[in-house]
């Protein structure tokens, strides 16, 4: 998909993923790419799916959707699901491509194999706007309501991150209470005001909105909550350029942010990677049984659906809402 402002490449066969999102004026691609590369394959490796290997073995770098079990692998009403669910790795179908002088629009549909869920995605790019408009619909074919943990999973990298900051109107930040807190750089289970979180060793406050330099050895994952509005921007002051997204807080009241600058020394990144994310989510970070017991899930009606919209794009100002003025560059 392309207009005068941006070019977006989709990979329908791999979960409808966005594998490239380029600002044409600067040549910047916001999608992170795995420096090791990933060989093409028709199925995942015949290995035990331990330590998230069902995801990491095919982690090439892209923007995909995670559901219905949130982040962790496990049992979903009898269905064994991997890390971030199955829809990220199943082939989707392109059901419609519409192009006029004013707009190009693509519709994709992904059918779950192990659950009665169908994912409908419509992306539209207008001639005179730097923003892409998303309409996402999650359909439940079952005769009963179905609870889900639903997450958008953009993975951002590239030259825009050099000296960048994550700007978003969150008020609170949480750190997942890990089973092995010694594996975290931040204090496990911490809750406080965004963007500062104490480090596990020494207690120094880390500004989690700052993207550390490549190779700095930083790595953390935090959850943002209590948003004033549903938007965020990776902003590079030197370039006067940012990449922004807006989302519906009624559907996605949380957002996860992973920030890695060479801090994963072993599997799966081996000290590589310069990454930041902002991932709108229906649910807090947690394992599926815990989310279900706490009622921290979204319910899709029986034989019904839930729809939401987003806008994304490169912007010349770090603060939203950009869709109100149809940002152009």
C-alpha atoms as a PDB file:
ATOM      1  CA  UNK A   1       0.000   0.000   0.000  1.00  0.00           C
ATOM      2  CA  UNK A   2       1.435   3.378  -0.973  1.00  0.00           C
ATOM      3  CA  UNK A   3       0.628   7.070  -1.344  1.00  0.00           C
ATOM      4  CA  UNK A   4       2.801  10.190  -1.527  1.00  0.00           C
ATOM      5  CA  UNK A   5       3.695   9.898   2.173  1.00  0.00           C
ATOM      6  CA  UNK A   6       4.309   6.249   3.024  1.00  0.00           C
ATOM      7  CA  UNK A   7       4.706   2.693   1.761  1.00  0.00           C
ATOM      8  CA  UNK A   8       3.396  -0.288   3.768  1.00  0.00           C
ATOM      9  CA  UNK A   9       4.173  -3.952   3.030  1.00  0.00           C
ATOM     10  CA  UNK A  10       1.871  -6.707   4.305  1.00  0.00           C
ATOM     11  CA  UNK A  11       2.508 -10.435   4.681  1.00  0.00           C
ATOM     12  CA  UNK A  12      -0.916 -12.133   4.508  1.00  0.00           C
ATOM     13  CA  UNK A  13       0.547 -15.647   4.696  1.00  0.00           C
ATOM     14  CA  UNK A  14       2.081 -14.920   8.100  1.00  0.00           C
ATOM     15  CA  UNK A  15      -0.790 -13.625  10.189  1.00  0.00           C
ATOM     16  CA  UNK A  16      -1.501 -10.546   8.086  1.00  0.00           C
ATOM     17  CA  UNK A  17       1.667  -8.998   9.512  1.00  0.00           C
ATOM     18  CA  UNK A  18       3.023  -5.599   8.564  1.00  0.00           C
ATOM     19  CA  UNK A  19       6.676  -6.190   7.682  1.00  0.00           C
ATOM     20  CA  UNK A  20       7.616  -2.709   6.469  1.00  0.00           C
ATOM     21  CA  UNK A  21       6.219   0.787   7.127  1.00  0.00           C
ATOM     22  CA  UNK A  22       8.320   3.452   5.390  1.00  0.00           C
ATOM     23  CA  UNK A  23       8.208   7.244   5.506  1.00  0.00           C
ATOM     24  CA  UNK A  24       8.956   8.165   1.881  1.00  0.00           C
ATOM     25  CA  UNK A  25      10.333  11.645   2.644  1.00  0.00           C
ATOM     26  CA  UNK A  26      13.076  10.357   4.970  1.00  0.00           C
ATOM     27  CA  UNK A  27      13.356   6.717   3.906  1.00  0.00           C
ATOM     28  CA  UNK A  28      12.871   5.630   7.537  1.00  0.00           C
ATOM     29  CA  UNK A  29      11.291   2.203   8.093  1.00  0.00           C
ATOM     30  CA  UNK A  30       9.749   1.945  11.579  1.00  0.00           C
ATOM     31  CA  UNK A  31       9.423  -1.872  11.638  1.00  0.00           C
ATOM     32  CA  UNK A  32      12.225  -3.713  13.435  1.00  0.00           C
ATOM     33  CA  UNK A  33      13.992  -6.445  11.499  1.00  0.00           C
ATOM     34  CA  UNK A  34      15.800  -9.355  13.140  1.00  0.00           C
ATOM     35  CA  UNK A  35      19.486  -8.869  12.280  1.00  0.00           C
ATOM     36  CA  UNK A  36      20.004 -12.615  12.077  1.00  0.00           C
ATOM     37  CA  UNK A  37      17.197 -12.970   9.560  1.00  0.00           C
ATOM     38  CA  UNK A  38      14.786 -15.867   9.543  1.00  0.00           C
ATOM     39  CA  UNK A  39      14.798 -18.607   6.887  1.00  0.00           C
ATOM     40  CA  UNK A  40      11.487 -19.315   5.145  1.00  0.00           C
ATOM     41  CA  UNK A  41       9.679 -22.422   6.339  1.00  0.00           C
ATOM     42  CA  UNK A  42       6.270 -24.017   6.020  1.00  0.00           C
ATOM     43  CA  UNK A  43       5.945 -25.005   9.668  1.00  0.00           C
ATOM     44  CA  UNK A  44       7.610 -24.323  13.005  1.00  0.00           C
ATOM     45  CA  UNK A  45      10.526 -26.444  14.099  1.00  0.00           C
ATOM     46  CA  UNK A  46       9.826 -29.883  15.551  1.00  0.00           C
ATOM     47  CA  UNK A  47      11.229 -28.902  18.935  1.00  0.00           C
ATOM     48  CA  UNK A  48       9.716 -28.555  22.417  1.00  0.00           C
ATOM     49  CA  UNK A  49       8.011 -25.185  22.698  1.00  0.00           C
ATOM     50  CA  UNK A  50       9.912 -24.077  25.783  1.00  0.00           C
ATOM     51  CA  UNK A  51      10.921 -20.554  26.740  1.00  0.00           C
ATOM     52  CA  UNK A  52       8.660 -19.034  24.097  1.00  0.00           C
ATOM     53  CA  UNK A  53      10.395 -20.883  21.255  1.00  0.00           C
ATOM     54  CA  UNK A  54       7.135 -21.209  19.311  1.00  0.00           C
ATOM     55  CA  UNK A  55       7.358 -17.422  18.851  1.00  0.00           C
ATOM     56  CA  UNK A  56      11.069 -16.713  18.962  1.00  0.00           C
ATOM     57  CA  UNK A  57      12.070 -19.365  16.412  1.00  0.00           C
ATOM     58  CA  UNK A  58      10.096 -17.448  13.749  1.00  0.00           C
ATOM     59  CA  UNK A  59      10.580 -13.913  15.107  1.00  0.00           C
ATOM     60  CA  UNK A  60      11.622 -12.037  11.987  1.00  0.00           C
ATOM     61  CA  UNK A  61      10.325  -8.639  13.138  1.00  0.00           C
ATOM     62  CA  UNK A  62       6.862  -7.343  12.202  1.00  0.00           C
ATOM     63  CA  UNK A  63       3.538  -5.957  13.454  1.00  0.00           C
ATOM     64  CA  UNK A  64       1.072  -8.725  14.279  1.00  0.00           C
ATOM     65  CA  UNK A  65      -1.976  -9.374  16.434  1.00  0.00           C
ATOM     66  CA  UNK A  66      -1.901 -11.392  19.665  1.00  0.00           C
ATOM     67  CA  UNK A  67      -4.948 -13.298  20.923  1.00  0.00           C
ATOM     68  CA  UNK A  68      -6.909 -14.898  22.518  1.00  0.00           C
ATOM     69  CA  UNK A  69      -4.551 -15.838  25.365  1.00  0.00           C
ATOM     70  CA  UNK A  70      -2.472 -12.682  25.792  1.00  0.00           C
ATOM     71  CA  UNK A  71       1.292 -13.136  25.900  1.00  0.00           C
ATOM     72  CA  UNK A  72       1.956 -16.461  27.600  1.00  0.00           C
ATOM     73  CA  UNK A  73       1.475 -19.873  26.017  1.00  0.00           C
ATOM     74  CA  UNK A  74      -0.930 -22.269  27.686  1.00  0.00           C
ATOM     75  CA  UNK A  75      -4.317 -23.960  27.655  1.00  0.00           C
ATOM     76  CA  UNK A  76      -7.277 -21.967  26.277  1.00  0.00           C
ATOM     77  CA  UNK A  77     -10.455 -23.913  27.090  1.00  0.00           C
ATOM     78  CA  UNK A  78      -8.693 -27.111  26.029  1.00  0.00           C
ATOM     79  CA  UNK A  79      -6.887 -25.609  23.029  1.00  0.00           C
ATOM     80  CA  UNK A  80      -3.083 -25.577  23.380  1.00  0.00           C
ATOM     81  CA  UNK A  81      -1.944 -22.126  22.232  1.00  0.00           C
ATOM     82  CA  UNK A  82       1.554 -20.760  21.910  1.00  0.00           C
ATOM     83  CA  UNK A  83       3.088 -17.446  22.892  1.00  0.00           C
ATOM     84  CA  UNK A  84       0.889 -14.592  21.584  1.00  0.00           C
ATOM     85  CA  UNK A  85      -1.631 -17.114  20.208  1.00  0.00           C
ATOM     86  CA  UNK A  86      -1.918 -18.762  16.834  1.00  0.00           C
ATOM     87  CA  UNK A  87      -3.334 -16.052  14.548  1.00  0.00           C
ATOM     88  CA  UNK A  88       0.080 -14.386  14.277  1.00  0.00           C
ATOM     89  CA  UNK A  89       1.436 -17.413  12.388  1.00  0.00           C
ATOM     90  CA  UNK A  90      -1.549 -18.669  10.381  1.00  0.00           C
ATOM     91  CA  UNK A  91      -2.111 -17.699   6.735  1.00  0.00           C
ATOM     92  CA  UNK A  92      -4.707 -14.977   6.263  1.00  0.00           C
ATOM     93  CA  UNK A  93      -6.688 -14.366   3.079  1.00  0.00           C
ATOM     94  CA  UNK A  94      -6.847 -11.100   1.168  1.00  0.00           C
ATOM     95  CA  UNK A  95     -10.569 -10.851   0.480  1.00  0.00           C
ATOM     96  CA  UNK A  96     -10.723  -7.440  -1.183  1.00  0.00           C
ATOM     97  CA  UNK A  97      -8.467  -4.798  -2.720  1.00  0.00           C
ATOM     98  CA  UNK A  98     -10.136  -1.541  -3.708  1.00  0.00           C
ATOM     99  CA  UNK A  99      -8.267   1.335  -5.326  1.00  0.00           C
ATOM    100  CA  UNK A 100      -9.691   4.656  -6.415  1.00  0.00           C
ATOM    101  CA  UNK A 101      -8.099   7.997  -7.211  1.00  0.00           C
ATOM    102  CA  UNK A 102      -8.602   9.041  -3.578  1.00  0.00           C
ATOM    103  CA  UNK A 103      -8.003   5.854  -1.580  1.00  0.00           C
ATOM    104  CA  UNK A 104      -6.558   2.354  -1.527  1.00  0.00           C
ATOM    105  CA  UNK A 105      -8.181  -0.215   0.787  1.00  0.00           C
ATOM    106  CA  UNK A 106      -7.224  -3.777   1.621  1.00  0.00           C
ATOM    107  CA  UNK A 107      -9.307  -6.319   3.565  1.00  0.00           C
ATOM    108  CA  UNK A 108      -7.765  -9.401   5.175  1.00  0.00           C
ATOM    109  CA  UNK A 109      -9.386 -12.264   7.096  1.00  0.00           C
ATOM    110  CA  UNK A 110      -7.687 -14.742   9.418  1.00  0.00           C
ATOM    111  CA  UNK A 111      -9.415 -17.936  10.618  1.00  0.00           C
ATOM    112  CA  UNK A 112      -8.262 -19.524  13.860  1.00  0.00           C
ATOM    113  CA  UNK A 113      -7.657 -23.277  13.720  1.00  0.00           C
ATOM    114  CA  UNK A 114      -8.053 -24.102  17.416  1.00  0.00           C
ATOM    115  CA  UNK A 115     -10.747 -21.605  18.441  1.00  0.00           C
ATOM    116  CA  UNK A 116     -14.012 -20.344  16.904  1.00  0.00           C
ATOM    117  CA  UNK A 117     -12.510 -16.900  16.246  1.00  0.00           C
ATOM    118  CA  UNK A 118     -12.251 -15.051  12.929  1.00  0.00           C
ATOM    119  CA  UNK A 119     -10.195 -11.867  12.562  1.00  0.00           C
ATOM    120  CA  UNK A 120     -11.226  -9.225  10.032  1.00  0.00           C
ATOM    121  CA  UNK A 121      -8.804  -6.383   9.225  1.00  0.00           C
ATOM    122  CA  UNK A 122      -9.447  -3.471   6.862  1.00  0.00           C
ATOM    123  CA  UNK A 123      -6.634  -1.005   6.142  1.00  0.00           C
ATOM    124  CA  UNK A 124      -7.191   2.182   4.170  1.00  0.00           C
ATOM    125  CA  UNK A 125      -4.753   4.799   2.941  1.00  0.00           C
ATOM    126  CA  UNK A 126      -6.020   8.101   1.558  1.00  0.00           C
ATOM    127  CA  UNK A 127      -4.323  10.107  -1.129  1.00  0.00           C
ATOM    128  CA  UNK A 128      -3.915  13.296   0.924  1.00  0.00           C
ATOM    129  CA  UNK A 129      -3.047  11.872   4.374  1.00  0.00           C
ATOM    130  CA  UNK A 130       0.040  10.427   6.053  1.00  0.00           C
ATOM    131  CA  UNK A 131      -2.180   8.297   8.310  1.00  0.00           C
ATOM    132  CA  UNK A 132      -3.411   4.776   7.698  1.00  0.00           C
ATOM    133  CA  UNK A 133      -6.852   3.892   9.072  1.00  0.00           C
ATOM    134  CA  UNK A 134      -7.512   0.470  10.595  1.00  0.00           C
ATOM    135  CA  UNK A 135     -10.791  -1.290  11.283  1.00  0.00           C
ATOM    136  CA  UNK A 136     -10.361  -4.491  13.294  1.00  0.00           C
ATOM    137  CA  UNK A 137     -13.246  -6.898  13.956  1.00  0.00           C
ATOM    138  CA  UNK A 138     -13.039 -10.011  16.095  1.00  0.00           C
ATOM    139  CA  UNK A 139     -15.829 -12.486  15.321  1.00  0.00           C
ATOM    140  CA  UNK A 140     -16.979 -15.308  17.601  1.00  0.00           C
ATOM    141  CA  UNK A 141     -18.636 -18.183  15.704  1.00  0.00           C
ATOM    142  CA  UNK A 142     -19.433 -20.080  18.901  1.00  0.00           C
ATOM    143  CA  UNK A 143     -22.887 -20.290  20.504  1.00  0.00           C
ATOM    144  CA  UNK A 144     -21.466 -18.998  23.819  1.00  0.00           C
ATOM    145  CA  UNK A 145     -19.744 -15.712  24.746  1.00  0.00           C
ATOM    146  CA  UNK A 146     -15.978 -16.029  24.539  1.00  0.00           C
ATOM    147  CA  UNK A 147     -13.496 -14.168  26.774  1.00  0.00           C
ATOM    148  CA  UNK A 148     -10.236 -13.064  25.146  1.00  0.00           C
ATOM    149  CA  UNK A 149      -7.025 -11.189  25.893  1.00  0.00           C
ATOM    150  CA  UNK A 150      -6.351  -9.155  22.734  1.00  0.00           C
ATOM    151  CA  UNK A 151      -3.150  -7.267  21.991  1.00  0.00           C
ATOM    152  CA  UNK A 152      -1.811  -5.252  19.059  1.00  0.00           C
ATOM    153  CA  UNK A 153       1.887  -6.086  18.704  1.00  0.00           C
ATOM    154  CA  UNK A 154       3.915  -3.530  16.731  1.00  0.00           C
ATOM    155  CA  UNK A 155       7.688  -3.989  16.990  1.00  0.00           C
ATOM    156  CA  UNK A 156       9.538  -0.777  16.151  1.00  0.00           C
ATOM    157  CA  UNK A 157      13.184  -0.336  15.219  1.00  0.00           C
ATOM    158  CA  UNK A 158      15.445   1.352  12.696  1.00  0.00           C
ATOM    159  CA  UNK A 159      17.108   4.786  12.618  1.00  0.00           C
ATOM    160  CA  UNK A 160      14.145   6.659  14.103  1.00  0.00           C
ATOM    161  CA  UNK A 161      14.981   5.103  17.493  1.00  0.00           C
ATOM    162  CA  UNK A 162      18.425   6.753  17.734  1.00  0.00           C
ATOM    163  CA  UNK A 163      17.867   9.440  20.382  1.00  0.00           C
ATOM    164  CA  UNK A 164      14.090   8.876  20.451  1.00  0.00           C
ATOM    165  CA  UNK A 165      11.531   9.091  23.252  1.00  0.00           C
ATOM    166  CA  UNK A 166       8.177   7.401  23.761  1.00  0.00           C
ATOM    167  CA  UNK A 167       5.575  10.105  24.365  1.00  0.00           C
ATOM    168  CA  UNK A 168       2.147   8.964  25.576  1.00  0.00           C
ATOM    169  CA  UNK A 169      -0.399  10.313  28.100  1.00  0.00           C
ATOM    170  CA  UNK A 170      -0.240   7.377  30.535  1.00  0.00           C
ATOM    171  CA  UNK A 171      -0.321   8.177  34.254  1.00  0.00           C
ATOM    172  CA  UNK A 172       0.744   4.831  35.738  1.00  0.00           C
ATOM    173  CA  UNK A 173       3.270   2.115  35.027  1.00  0.00           C
ATOM    174  CA  UNK A 174       3.441  -1.478  36.290  1.00  0.00           C
ATOM    175  CA  UNK A 175       6.066  -4.213  36.101  1.00  0.00           C
ATOM    176  CA  UNK A 176       4.917  -7.812  35.838  1.00  0.00           C
ATOM    177  CA  UNK A 177       5.590  -9.819  39.000  1.00  0.00           C
ATOM    178  CA  UNK A 178       7.933 -12.394  37.536  1.00  0.00           C
ATOM    179  CA  UNK A 179       8.480 -15.939  38.796  1.00  0.00           C
ATOM    180  CA  UNK A 180      12.219 -15.251  38.434  1.00  0.00           C
ATOM    181  CA  UNK A 181      12.661 -11.579  39.419  1.00  0.00           C
ATOM    182  CA  UNK A 182      16.445 -11.918  39.107  1.00  0.00           C
ATOM    183  CA  UNK A 183      15.941 -12.120  35.323  1.00  0.00           C
ATOM    184  CA  UNK A 184      14.556  -8.561  35.205  1.00  0.00           C
ATOM    185  CA  UNK A 185      16.482  -5.293  35.107  1.00  0.00           C
ATOM    186  CA  UNK A 186      13.573  -3.480  36.797  1.00  0.00           C
ATOM    187  CA  UNK A 187      11.962  -4.153  40.170  1.00  0.00           C
ATOM    188  CA  UNK A 188       9.507  -7.016  39.789  1.00  0.00           C
ATOM    189  CA  UNK A 189       5.886  -6.172  40.665  1.00  0.00           C
ATOM    190  CA  UNK A 190       6.530  -2.411  40.934  1.00  0.00           C
ATOM    191  CA  UNK A 191       3.605   0.015  40.533  1.00  0.00           C
ATOM    192  CA  UNK A 192       4.068   3.760  40.219  1.00  0.00           C
ATOM    193  CA  UNK A 193       3.877   6.862  38.065  1.00  0.00           C
ATOM    194  CA  UNK A 194       4.889   6.695  34.421  1.00  0.00           C
ATOM    195  CA  UNK A 195       7.648   6.842  33.187  1.00  0.00           C
ATOM    196  CA  UNK A 196      10.000   6.166  36.156  1.00  0.00           C
ATOM    197  CA  UNK A 197      10.655   2.666  37.506  1.00  0.00           C
ATOM    198  CA  UNK A 198      13.383   1.612  39.999  1.00  0.00           C
ATOM    199  CA  UNK A 199      16.026  -0.793  38.758  1.00  0.00           C
ATOM    200  CA  UNK A 200      16.248  -4.127  40.535  1.00  0.00           C
ATOM    201  CA  UNK A 201      19.918  -3.643  41.386  1.00  0.00           C
ATOM    202  CA  UNK A 202      20.644  -0.381  43.182  1.00  0.00           C
ATOM    203  CA  UNK A 203      17.152   1.081  42.929  1.00  0.00           C
ATOM    204  CA  UNK A 204      18.097   3.870  40.506  1.00  0.00           C
ATOM    205  CA  UNK A 205      15.043   5.274  38.727  1.00  0.00           C
ATOM    206  CA  UNK A 206      14.968   4.429  35.029  1.00  0.00           C
ATOM    207  CA  UNK A 207      13.054   6.700  32.632  1.00  0.00           C
ATOM    208  CA  UNK A 208      11.237   4.063  30.595  1.00  0.00           C
ATOM    209  CA  UNK A 209      10.182   6.605  27.974  1.00  0.00           C
ATOM    210  CA  UNK A 210      13.773   7.106  26.765  1.00  0.00           C
ATOM    211  CA  UNK A 211      15.086   4.769  24.065  1.00  0.00           C
ATOM    212  CA  UNK A 212      18.651   3.870  25.156  1.00  0.00           C
ATOM    213  CA  UNK A 213      21.482   3.856  22.590  1.00  0.00           C
ATOM    214  CA  UNK A 214      22.143   0.735  20.564  1.00  0.00           C
ATOM    215  CA  UNK A 215      24.239  -1.763  22.496  1.00  0.00           C
ATOM    216  CA  UNK A 216      23.688  -0.103  25.890  1.00  0.00           C
ATOM    217  CA  UNK A 217      22.613  -3.407  27.411  1.00  0.00           C
ATOM    218  CA  UNK A 218      19.216  -2.132  28.519  1.00  0.00           C
ATOM    219  CA  UNK A 219      16.108  -4.318  28.442  1.00  0.00           C
ATOM    220  CA  UNK A 220      12.762  -3.904  30.145  1.00  0.00           C
ATOM    221  CA  UNK A 221       9.077  -4.577  29.675  1.00  0.00           C
ATOM    222  CA  UNK A 222       6.474  -2.423  31.424  1.00  0.00           C
ATOM    223  CA  UNK A 223       2.725  -1.948  31.311  1.00  0.00           C
ATOM    224  CA  UNK A 224       1.178   1.498  30.969  1.00  0.00           C
ATOM    225  CA  UNK A 225      -2.260   2.255  32.427  1.00  0.00           C
ATOM    226  CA  UNK A 226      -4.584   5.103  33.359  1.00  0.00           C
ATOM    227  CA  UNK A 227      -4.330   6.912  30.037  1.00  0.00           C
ATOM    228  CA  UNK A 228      -5.715  10.394  29.534  1.00  0.00           C
ATOM    229  CA  UNK A 229      -6.265   9.426  25.885  1.00  0.00           C
ATOM    230  CA  UNK A 230      -5.409   6.478  23.665  1.00  0.00           C
ATOM    231  CA  UNK A 231      -2.359   7.568  21.717  1.00  0.00           C
ATOM    232  CA  UNK A 232       1.400   7.286  21.689  1.00  0.00           C
ATOM    233  CA  UNK A 233       4.337   8.454  19.597  1.00  0.00           C
ATOM    234  CA  UNK A 234       7.971   7.414  19.163  1.00  0.00           C
ATOM    235  CA  UNK A 235       9.444  10.886  18.677  1.00  0.00           C
ATOM    236  CA  UNK A 236      12.897  11.832  17.401  1.00  0.00           C
ATOM    237  CA  UNK A 237      13.554  15.490  18.207  1.00  0.00           C
ATOM    238  CA  UNK A 238      16.670  15.734  16.045  1.00  0.00           C
ATOM    239  CA  UNK A 239      14.851  14.443  12.996  1.00  0.00           C
ATOM    240  CA  UNK A 240      11.627  16.286  13.851  1.00  0.00           C
ATOM    241  CA  UNK A 241       9.886  13.049  12.980  1.00  0.00           C
ATOM    242  CA  UNK A 242       7.818  10.545  14.873  1.00  0.00           C
ATOM    243  CA  UNK A 243       5.686   7.461  14.379  1.00  0.00           C
ATOM    244  CA  UNK A 244       2.306   7.577  16.085  1.00  0.00           C
ATOM    245  CA  UNK A 245      -0.745   5.456  16.739  1.00  0.00           C
ATOM    246  CA  UNK A 246      -4.166   6.217  18.169  1.00  0.00           C
ATOM    247  CA  UNK A 247      -6.496   3.581  19.576  1.00  0.00           C
ATOM    248  CA  UNK A 248      -9.828   3.143  21.345  1.00  0.00           C
ATOM    249  CA  UNK A 249      -9.358   3.152  25.131  1.00  0.00           C
ATOM    250  CA  UNK A 250     -12.730   1.478  25.641  1.00  0.00           C
ATOM    251  CA  UNK A 251     -11.372  -1.654  23.969  1.00  0.00           C
ATOM    252  CA  UNK A 252      -7.683  -1.300  24.872  1.00  0.00           C
ATOM    253  CA  UNK A 253      -7.287   0.358  28.309  1.00  0.00           C
ATOM    254  CA  UNK A 254      -3.716  -0.944  28.726  1.00  0.00           C
ATOM    255  CA  UNK A 255      -0.535  -0.808  26.654  1.00  0.00           C
ATOM    256  CA  UNK A 256       2.649  -2.816  26.995  1.00  0.00           C
ATOM    257  CA  UNK A 257       6.037  -1.331  26.179  1.00  0.00           C
ATOM    258  CA  UNK A 258       9.127  -3.452  25.590  1.00  0.00           C
ATOM    259  CA  UNK A 259      12.430  -1.601  25.235  1.00  0.00           C
ATOM    260  CA  UNK A 260      15.538  -3.563  24.258  1.00  0.00           C
ATOM    261  CA  UNK A 261      18.966  -2.200  23.361  1.00  0.00           C
ATOM    262  CA  UNK A 262      21.132  -5.303  23.419  1.00  0.00           C
ATOM    263  CA  UNK A 263      19.969  -6.346  26.882  1.00  0.00           C
ATOM    264  CA  UNK A 264      18.855  -9.871  25.923  1.00  0.00           C
ATOM    265  CA  UNK A 265      22.278 -11.511  26.006  1.00  0.00           C
ATOM    266  CA  UNK A 266      21.185 -15.050  25.210  1.00  0.00           C
ATOM    267  CA  UNK A 267      18.258 -16.667  23.368  1.00  0.00           C
ATOM    268  CA  UNK A 268      16.543 -15.324  21.312  1.00  0.00           C
ATOM    269  CA  UNK A 269      18.398 -12.049  20.504  1.00  0.00           C
ATOM    270  CA  UNK A 270      21.969 -12.887  21.601  1.00  0.00           C
ATOM    271  CA  UNK A 271      22.814  -9.296  22.471  1.00  0.00           C
ATOM    272  CA  UNK A 272      21.351  -7.823  19.271  1.00  0.00           C
ATOM    273  CA  UNK A 273      18.242  -5.748  18.757  1.00  0.00           C
ATOM    274  CA  UNK A 274      17.318  -2.074  19.156  1.00  0.00           C
ATOM    275  CA  UNK A 275      13.602  -2.149  19.815  1.00  0.00           C
ATOM    276  CA  UNK A 276      10.754  -0.278  21.443  1.00  0.00           C
ATOM    277  CA  UNK A 277       7.069  -1.126  21.403  1.00  0.00           C
ATOM    278  CA  UNK A 278       3.749   0.347  22.453  1.00  0.00           C
ATOM    279  CA  UNK A 279       1.125  -2.376  22.330  1.00  0.00           C
ATOM    280  CA  UNK A 280      -2.530  -1.520  23.090  1.00  0.00           C
ATOM    281  CA  UNK A 281      -4.136  -4.343  25.052  1.00  0.00           C
ATOM    282  CA  UNK A 282      -7.519  -5.336  26.430  1.00  0.00           C
ATOM    283  CA  UNK A 283      -5.879  -6.926  29.470  1.00  0.00           C
ATOM    284  CA  UNK A 284      -3.021  -6.417  31.911  1.00  0.00           C
ATOM    285  CA  UNK A 285       0.095  -8.553  31.642  1.00  0.00           C
ATOM    286  CA  UNK A 286      -0.690 -11.976  33.068  1.00  0.00           C
ATOM    287  CA  UNK A 287      -1.108 -15.647  32.369  1.00  0.00           C
ATOM    288  CA  UNK A 288      -4.430 -16.646  30.871  1.00  0.00           C
ATOM    289  CA  UNK A 289      -5.846 -18.511  33.928  1.00  0.00           C
ATOM    290  CA  UNK A 290      -5.037 -15.524  36.152  1.00  0.00           C
ATOM    291  CA  UNK A 291      -6.627 -13.038  33.734  1.00  0.00           C
ATOM    292  CA  UNK A 292      -9.741 -15.204  33.475  1.00  0.00           C
ATOM    293  CA  UNK A 293     -10.123 -15.545  37.262  1.00  0.00           C
ATOM    294  CA  UNK A 294      -9.706 -11.793  37.701  1.00  0.00           C
ATOM    295  CA  UNK A 295     -12.189 -10.972  34.949  1.00  0.00           C
ATOM    296  CA  UNK A 296      -9.469  -8.920  33.247  1.00  0.00           C
ATOM    297  CA  UNK A 297     -10.597  -9.940  29.763  1.00  0.00           C
ATOM    298  CA  UNK A 298     -12.782  -8.738  26.913  1.00  0.00           C
ATOM    299  CA  UNK A 299     -15.897 -10.786  26.098  1.00  0.00           C
ATOM    300  CA  UNK A 300     -16.930 -11.345  22.491  1.00  0.00           C
ATOM    301  CA  UNK A 301     -20.699 -12.045  22.327  1.00  0.00           C
ATOM    302  CA  UNK A 302     -22.057 -15.417  21.228  1.00  0.00           C
ATOM    303  CA  UNK A 303     -22.351 -15.490  17.424  1.00  0.00           C
ATOM    304  CA  UNK A 304     -21.279 -11.845  17.594  1.00  0.00           C
ATOM    305  CA  UNK A 305     -18.288  -9.586  17.210  1.00  0.00           C
ATOM    306  CA  UNK A 306     -16.327  -6.681  18.641  1.00  0.00           C
ATOM    307  CA  UNK A 307     -14.946  -3.941  16.377  1.00  0.00           C
ATOM    308  CA  UNK A 308     -12.446  -1.186  16.947  1.00  0.00           C
ATOM    309  CA  UNK A 309     -10.457   1.363  14.950  1.00  0.00           C
ATOM    310  CA  UNK A 310      -6.896   2.703  14.974  1.00  0.00           C
ATOM    311  CA  UNK A 311      -4.872   5.239  13.041  1.00  0.00           C
ATOM    312  CA  UNK A 312      -1.118   5.032  12.469  1.00  0.00           C
ATOM    313  CA  UNK A 313       1.522   7.006  10.635  1.00  0.00           C
ATOM    314  CA  UNK A 314       4.600   9.203  10.571  1.00  0.00           C
ATOM    315  CA  UNK A 315       3.972  12.622  12.098  1.00  0.00           C
ATOM    316  CA  UNK A 316       5.719  15.995  12.391  1.00  0.00           C
ATOM    317  CA  UNK A 317       4.429  16.730  15.901  1.00  0.00           C
ATOM    318  CA  UNK A 318       4.850  14.461  18.937  1.00  0.00           C
ATOM    319  CA  UNK A 319       1.398  14.883  20.466  1.00  0.00           C
ATOM    320  CA  UNK A 320      -2.019  13.568  19.335  1.00  0.00           C
ATOM    321  CA  UNK A 321      -4.692  13.332  18.316  1.00  0.00           C
ATOM    322  CA  UNK A 322      -3.388  13.476  14.767  1.00  0.00           C
ATOM    323  CA  UNK A 323      -6.486  12.023  13.133  1.00  0.00           C
ATOM    324  CA  UNK A 324      -8.444  15.144  14.052  1.00  0.00           C
ATOM    325  CA  UNK A 325      -6.505  17.061  11.422  1.00  0.00           C
ATOM    326  CA  UNK A 326      -5.562  14.163   9.088  1.00  0.00           C
ATOM    327  CA  UNK A 327      -1.826  14.606   9.519  1.00  0.00           C
ATOM    328  CA  UNK A 328       0.204  15.330   6.418  1.00  0.00           C
ATOM    329  CA  UNK A 329       3.927  15.762   6.042  1.00  0.00           C
END
